[in-house]
Amino acid sequence: MKIKYLILVVFLVIISSCTPEENTCETKQNCFNRPDGSKTCFDVPTNCF
């Protein structure tokens, strides 16, 4: 039972260390073309520190 809690805590620490609110992140746009010809873009955080 304690192992499950430990894994959960580690998981939450990893997630919280990657949130843009706490760290300075550069965002780059990741774009891809859809089959119907339109383009979809979304921001991806990179170089977090």
Protein backbone atom coordinates (compact mmCIF):
# COMPACT_ATOMS: atom_id res chain seq x y z
CA MET A 1 0.00 0.00 0.00
CA LYS A 2 2.83 2.42 0.81
CA ILE A 3 4.43 1.75 -2.58
CA LYS A 4 1.32 3.02 -4.38
CA TYR A 5 1.45 6.28 -2.41
CA LEU A 6 5.14 6.67 -3.11
CA ILE A 7 4.60 6.23 -6.85
CA LEU A 8 1.74 8.75 -6.74
CA VAL A 9 3.88 11.32 -4.91
CA VAL A 10 6.76 10.90 -7.37
CA PHE A 11 4.31 11.20 -10.27
CA LEU A 12 2.82 14.42 -8.87
CA VAL A 13 6.28 15.90 -8.30
CA ILE A 14 7.23 15.17 -11.91
CA ILE A 15 4.01 16.75 -13.19
CA SER A 16 4.37 19.83 -10.97
CA SER A 17 7.98 20.29 -12.07
CA CYS A 18 6.79 20.46 -15.68
CA THR A 19 3.97 22.97 -15.29
CA PRO A 20 4.61 26.25 -17.15
CA GLU A 21 3.21 28.27 -14.22
CA GLU A 22 6.14 27.36 -12.00
CA ASN A 23 8.88 27.29 -14.63
CA THR A 24 9.95 29.50 -17.46
CA CYS A 25 9.20 27.70 -20.70
CA GLU A 26 9.63 28.56 -24.31
CA THR A 27 6.72 27.38 -26.40
CA LYS A 28 7.09 26.25 -29.95
CA GLN A 29 4.24 25.56 -32.31
CA ASN A 30 3.79 22.02 -33.48
CA CYS A 31 1.84 22.00 -36.73
CA PHE A 32 0.62 19.20 -38.93
CA ASN A 33 -1.49 19.03 -42.06
CA ARG A 34 -4.80 17.24 -41.88
CA PRO A 35 -6.02 14.99 -44.69
CA ASP A 36 -8.62 17.58 -45.75
CA GLY A 37 -5.89 20.15 -46.41
CA SER A 38 -6.29 22.30 -43.30
CA LYS A 39 -3.49 22.80 -40.80
CA THR A 40 -3.69 22.14 -37.07
CA CYS A 41 -1.26 23.81 -34.67
CA PHE A 42 -0.76 23.51 -30.95
CA ASP A 43 1.78 24.97 -28.52
CA VAL A 44 4.34 22.62 -27.02
CA PRO A 45 6.40 23.77 -24.03
CA THR A 46 10.12 23.28 -24.61
CA ASN A 47 13.31 24.18 -22.76
CA CYS A 48 11.76 24.38 -19.30
CA PHE A 49 13.99 25.48 -16.48
